[in-house]
Structure formats: C-alpha cells, structure tokens
Amino acid sequence: MGNEPVLVLNVDGGARGNPGPAAIGVVASRPDGTVVRELGETIGVATNNVAEYRALLRGLQCAVELGAREVLVLNDSELVARQVTGAYRVKQPAMQALHAEALAALSRFDAWRVESVPRERNAAADALVNGALDAAGGR
C-alpha cells in the first residue's frame, strides 16, 4: 500500500443469539493511530457472520466518505477475511450476496487488504458493537 490517504478500519459485527439482535462497530483511523471516525449501529436481527459482513460494508462506506484511496481492514472474523481474500469459498447462498457486495465495495479502492486479528486487537470496534446493543436493549 502506497501513498496517503490510507485508512485503517477496525470493524466488528456481533449478534446476541445466533441469529439475534445484532450490531456493527467501525473505528476508522490514520496509520499513525489517530481516530477519525467511530460508529456503532444496530442492524436488526442477524447472524454473527451477517453482522461481520455488514460491519465490513459500513466501514468501507465510511472510508469512501472520508476520501480514502487505500484501506487496511482489520477484523476478528477469520471467516470473512478469508472469504474476501479468496482463501475460502462462500458456500451459503445468503452470504454470497454480501460477499459480492463486499468485493464490489473493495474494488472502489486503489489498494486494499483485509486481515483477521486477535479479538484483543479489535477491542474498540467490539466495544462499539456492545454499546449499540446495550443502548438498544439487546439481550
């Protein structure tokens, strides 16, 4: 990944129950760690995997709004990271549409990377998910 503007996106999605009340969290920051946007939003009832994809899509939308040309996406969903990078096939028909939408969104950037990181390296995005669910009264 080359010149600015580069954006680092920490994204997380989660559901209480699977499926259950679900939310997403996005932390957008510069490579030096300066946070430029944070958001936590409920997304209705969804599975964990759907919530993870929806978090990725919302993070990419934020990156476009912020004018990023390159993105590094960090999430704690190995499944989503590996599906988006082509290491895993997407077998579930319901997930195929989200996968295609994610690839289309990523294609808008000059360069991108999606990496799975340990949950503790994604704590801020996870906290936004839980905060949104708590605020909405999700169990």
C-alpha atoms as a PDB file:
ATOM      1  CA  MET A   1       0.000   0.000   0.000  1.00  0.00           C
ATOM      2  CA  GLY A   2       1.495   3.264  -1.145  1.00  0.00           C
ATOM      3  CA  ASN A   3       0.716   6.925  -0.552  1.00  0.00           C
ATOM      4  CA  GLU A   4      -1.861   8.651   1.636  1.00  0.00           C
ATOM      5  CA  PRO A   5      -4.746   8.832   2.072  1.00  0.00           C
ATOM      6  CA  VAL A   6      -4.652   5.420   3.687  1.00  0.00           C
ATOM      7  CA  LEU A   7      -7.282   4.466   6.213  1.00  0.00           C
ATOM      8  CA  VAL A   8      -7.161   1.677   8.781  1.00  0.00           C
ATOM      9  CA  LEU A   9     -10.588   0.235   9.504  1.00  0.00           C
ATOM     10  CA  ASN A  10     -11.224  -1.877  12.582  1.00  0.00           C
ATOM     11  CA  VAL A  11     -14.608  -3.473  12.013  1.00  0.00           C
ATOM     12  CA  ASP A  12     -16.660  -5.868  14.085  1.00  0.00           C
ATOM     13  CA  GLY A  13     -20.134  -7.290  13.997  1.00  0.00           C
ATOM     14  CA  GLY A  14     -21.944  -9.376  16.528  1.00  0.00           C
ATOM     15  CA  ALA A  15     -25.281 -10.867  17.423  1.00  0.00           C
ATOM     16  CA  ARG A  16     -26.673 -11.757  20.813  1.00  0.00           C
ATOM     17  CA  GLY A  17     -28.101 -15.096  19.932  1.00  0.00           C
ATOM     18  CA  ASN A  18     -27.336 -16.506  16.515  1.00  0.00           C
ATOM     19  CA  PRO A  19     -29.443 -15.103  14.978  1.00  0.00           C
ATOM     20  CA  GLY A  20     -30.446 -12.380  17.390  1.00  0.00           C
ATOM     21  CA  PRO A  21     -30.254  -8.629  17.955  1.00  0.00           C
ATOM     22  CA  ALA A  22     -27.160  -7.555  16.034  1.00  0.00           C
ATOM     23  CA  ALA A  23     -24.912  -4.527  15.707  1.00  0.00           C
ATOM     24  CA  ILE A  24     -21.775  -3.340  13.987  1.00  0.00           C
ATOM     25  CA  GLY A  25     -18.803  -1.283  15.106  1.00  0.00           C
ATOM     26  CA  VAL A  26     -16.333   0.668  12.970  1.00  0.00           C
ATOM     27  CA  VAL A  27     -13.216   2.557  14.026  1.00  0.00           C
ATOM     28  CA  ALA A  28     -11.549   4.453  11.186  1.00  0.00           C
ATOM     29  CA  SER A  29      -8.049   5.738  11.872  1.00  0.00           C
ATOM     30  CA  ARG A  30      -4.974   7.055  10.146  1.00  0.00           C
ATOM     31  CA  PRO A  31      -1.906   4.800  10.010  1.00  0.00           C
ATOM     32  CA  ASP A  32      -0.458   6.743  12.991  1.00  0.00           C
ATOM     33  CA  GLY A  33      -3.454   5.633  15.094  1.00  0.00           C
ATOM     34  CA  THR A  34      -5.384   8.926  15.073  1.00  0.00           C
ATOM     35  CA  VAL A  35      -9.073   8.023  15.136  1.00  0.00           C
ATOM     36  CA  VAL A  36     -11.064   9.972  12.545  1.00  0.00           C
ATOM     37  CA  ARG A  37     -14.470   8.281  12.930  1.00  0.00           C
ATOM     38  CA  GLU A  38     -16.171   5.789  15.234  1.00  0.00           C
ATOM     39  CA  LEU A  39     -19.635   4.367  14.926  1.00  0.00           C
ATOM     40  CA  GLY A  40     -21.752   1.690  16.484  1.00  0.00           C
ATOM     41  CA  GLU A  41     -25.108   0.851  14.947  1.00  0.00           C
ATOM     42  CA  THR A  42     -27.750  -1.793  15.419  1.00  0.00           C
ATOM     43  CA  ILE A  43     -28.734  -3.708  12.277  1.00  0.00           C
ATOM     44  CA  GLY A  44     -31.819  -5.604  13.441  1.00  0.00           C
ATOM     45  CA  VAL A  45     -31.817  -9.380  13.776  1.00  0.00           C
ATOM     46  CA  ALA A  46     -28.923 -11.162  12.073  1.00  0.00           C
ATOM     47  CA  THR A  47     -26.391 -13.950  12.474  1.00  0.00           C
ATOM     48  CA  ASN A  48     -22.827 -13.239  13.602  1.00  0.00           C
ATOM     49  CA  ASN A  49     -21.482 -13.794  10.083  1.00  0.00           C
ATOM     50  CA  VAL A  50     -24.019 -11.434   8.509  1.00  0.00           C
ATOM     51  CA  ALA A  51     -23.155  -8.823  11.152  1.00  0.00           C
ATOM     52  CA  GLU A  52     -19.434  -9.215  10.361  1.00  0.00           C
ATOM     53  CA  TYR A  53     -20.081  -8.609   6.648  1.00  0.00           C
ATOM     54  CA  ARG A  54     -22.367  -5.671   7.389  1.00  0.00           C
ATOM     55  CA  ALA A  55     -19.607  -4.155   9.565  1.00  0.00           C
ATOM     56  CA  LEU A  56     -17.124  -4.544   6.716  1.00  0.00           C
ATOM     57  CA  LEU A  57     -19.535  -2.880   4.276  1.00  0.00           C
ATOM     58  CA  ARG A  58     -20.286   0.006   6.660  1.00  0.00           C
ATOM     59  CA  GLY A  59     -16.568   0.504   7.280  1.00  0.00           C
ATOM     60  CA  LEU A  60     -15.890   0.667   3.548  1.00  0.00           C
ATOM     61  CA  GLN A  61     -18.719   3.173   3.168  1.00  0.00           C
ATOM     62  CA  CYS A  62     -17.045   5.328   5.850  1.00  0.00           C
ATOM     63  CA  ALA A  63     -13.717   5.039   4.033  1.00  0.00           C
ATOM     64  CA  VAL A  64     -15.296   6.324   0.819  1.00  0.00           C
ATOM     65  CA  GLU A  65     -16.945   9.202   2.722  1.00  0.00           C
ATOM     66  CA  LEU A  66     -13.562  10.085   4.255  1.00  0.00           C
ATOM     67  CA  GLY A  67     -11.853  10.107   0.846  1.00  0.00           C
ATOM     68  CA  ALA A  68      -9.580   7.109   1.402  1.00  0.00           C
ATOM     69  CA  ARG A  69      -7.927   5.596  -1.654  1.00  0.00           C
ATOM     70  CA  GLU A  70      -6.370   2.676   0.214  1.00  0.00           C
ATOM     71  CA  VAL A  71      -7.745   0.684   3.133  1.00  0.00           C
ATOM     72  CA  LEU A  72      -6.396  -1.812   5.589  1.00  0.00           C
ATOM     73  CA  VAL A  73      -9.352  -3.625   7.169  1.00  0.00           C
ATOM     74  CA  LEU A  74      -8.767  -5.406  10.466  1.00  0.00           C
ATOM     75  CA  ASN A  75     -11.455  -7.659  11.887  1.00  0.00           C
ATOM     76  CA  ASP A  76     -11.622 -10.629  14.215  1.00  0.00           C
ATOM     77  CA  SER A  77     -13.611 -12.797  11.801  1.00  0.00           C
ATOM     78  CA  GLU A  78     -11.216 -15.199  10.141  1.00  0.00           C
ATOM     79  CA  LEU A  79     -14.104 -16.499   8.012  1.00  0.00           C
ATOM     80  CA  VAL A  80     -14.933 -13.116   6.478  1.00  0.00           C
ATOM     81  CA  ALA A  81     -11.270 -12.185   5.983  1.00  0.00           C
ATOM     82  CA  ARG A  82     -10.525 -15.457   4.219  1.00  0.00           C
ATOM     83  CA  GLN A  83     -13.670 -15.376   2.108  1.00  0.00           C
ATOM     84  CA  VAL A  84     -12.985 -11.831   0.924  1.00  0.00           C
ATOM     85  CA  THR A  85      -9.365 -12.633   0.062  1.00  0.00           C
ATOM     86  CA  GLY A  86     -10.411 -15.780  -1.801  1.00  0.00           C
ATOM     87  CA  ALA A  87      -8.828 -18.319   0.557  1.00  0.00           C
ATOM     88  CA  TYR A  88     -12.256 -19.748   1.455  1.00  0.00           C
ATOM     89  CA  ARG A  89     -15.257 -20.299  -0.798  1.00  0.00           C
ATOM     90  CA  VAL A  90     -18.610 -18.808   0.132  1.00  0.00           C
ATOM     91  CA  LYS A  91     -20.965 -21.772   0.247  1.00  0.00           C
ATOM     92  CA  GLN A  92     -24.101 -20.309   1.850  1.00  0.00           C
ATOM     93  CA  PRO A  93     -26.371 -18.605  -0.707  1.00  0.00           C
ATOM     94  CA  ALA A  94     -27.381 -15.955   1.841  1.00  0.00           C
ATOM     95  CA  MET A  95     -23.720 -14.995   2.310  1.00  0.00           C
ATOM     96  CA  GLN A  96     -22.884 -14.937  -1.404  1.00  0.00           C
ATOM     97  CA  ALA A  97     -24.736 -11.642  -1.948  1.00  0.00           C
ATOM     98  CA  LEU A  98     -22.915  -9.965   0.968  1.00  0.00           C
ATOM     99  CA  HIS A  99     -19.616 -11.360  -0.279  1.00  0.00           C
ATOM    100  CA  ALA A 100     -20.247  -9.970  -3.786  1.00  0.00           C
ATOM    101  CA  GLU A 101     -21.238  -6.611  -2.303  1.00  0.00           C
ATOM    102  CA  ALA A 102     -18.033  -6.531  -0.249  1.00  0.00           C
ATOM    103  CA  LEU A 103     -15.862  -7.301  -3.285  1.00  0.00           C
ATOM    104  CA  ALA A 104     -17.623  -4.577  -5.275  1.00  0.00           C
ATOM    105  CA  ALA A 105     -17.057  -2.089  -2.450  1.00  0.00           C
ATOM    106  CA  LEU A 106     -13.380  -3.047  -2.154  1.00  0.00           C
ATOM    107  CA  SER A 107     -12.911  -2.601  -5.906  1.00  0.00           C
ATOM    108  CA  ARG A 108     -13.521   1.142  -5.452  1.00  0.00           C
ATOM    109  CA  PHE A 109     -10.133   1.494  -3.741  1.00  0.00           C
ATOM    110  CA  ASP A 110      -6.704   1.724  -5.385  1.00  0.00           C
ATOM    111  CA  ALA A 111      -5.406  -0.845  -2.891  1.00  0.00           C
ATOM    112  CA  TRP A 112      -6.897  -2.846  -0.051  1.00  0.00           C
ATOM    113  CA  ARG A 113      -6.084  -5.551   2.459  1.00  0.00           C
ATOM    114  CA  VAL A 114      -8.377  -7.437   4.816  1.00  0.00           C
ATOM    115  CA  GLU A 115      -6.732  -9.177   7.759  1.00  0.00           C
ATOM    116  CA  SER A 116      -8.041 -11.197  10.653  1.00  0.00           C
ATOM    117  CA  VAL A 117      -6.569 -10.130  14.001  1.00  0.00           C
ATOM    118  CA  PRO A 118      -6.990 -11.475  17.535  1.00  0.00           C
ATOM    119  CA  ARG A 119     -10.087 -10.149  19.296  1.00  0.00           C
ATOM    120  CA  GLU A 120      -7.993  -8.057  21.713  1.00  0.00           C
ATOM    121  CA  ARG A 121      -6.563  -6.091  18.751  1.00  0.00           C
ATOM    122  CA  ASN A 122     -10.141  -5.255  17.743  1.00  0.00           C
ATOM    123  CA  ALA A 123     -11.409  -4.248  21.186  1.00  0.00           C
ATOM    124  CA  ALA A 124     -12.521  -0.715  20.252  1.00  0.00           C
ATOM    125  CA  ALA A 125     -14.782  -1.929  17.429  1.00  0.00           C
ATOM    126  CA  ASP A 126     -16.114  -4.714  19.678  1.00  0.00           C
ATOM    127  CA  ALA A 127     -16.939  -2.159  22.385  1.00  0.00           C
ATOM    128  CA  LEU A 128     -18.948  -0.141  19.840  1.00  0.00           C
ATOM    129  CA  VAL A 129     -20.939  -3.264  18.911  1.00  0.00           C
ATOM    130  CA  ASN A 130     -21.759  -3.979  22.546  1.00  0.00           C
ATOM    131  CA  GLY A 131     -22.527  -0.325  23.274  1.00  0.00           C
ATOM    132  CA  ALA A 132     -25.012  -0.185  20.396  1.00  0.00           C
ATOM    133  CA  LEU A 133     -26.686  -3.410  21.535  1.00  0.00           C
ATOM    134  CA  ASP A 134     -26.832  -2.245  25.160  1.00  0.00           C
ATOM    135  CA  ALA A 135     -28.312   1.123  24.138  1.00  0.00           C
ATOM    136  CA  ALA A 136     -30.965  -0.655  22.063  1.00  0.00           C
ATOM    137  CA  GLY A 137     -31.826  -3.002  24.935  1.00  0.00           C
ATOM    138  CA  GLY A 138     -30.497  -6.098  23.118  1.00  0.00           C
ATOM    139  CA  ARG A 139     -30.289  -9.027  25.491  1.00  0.00           C
END
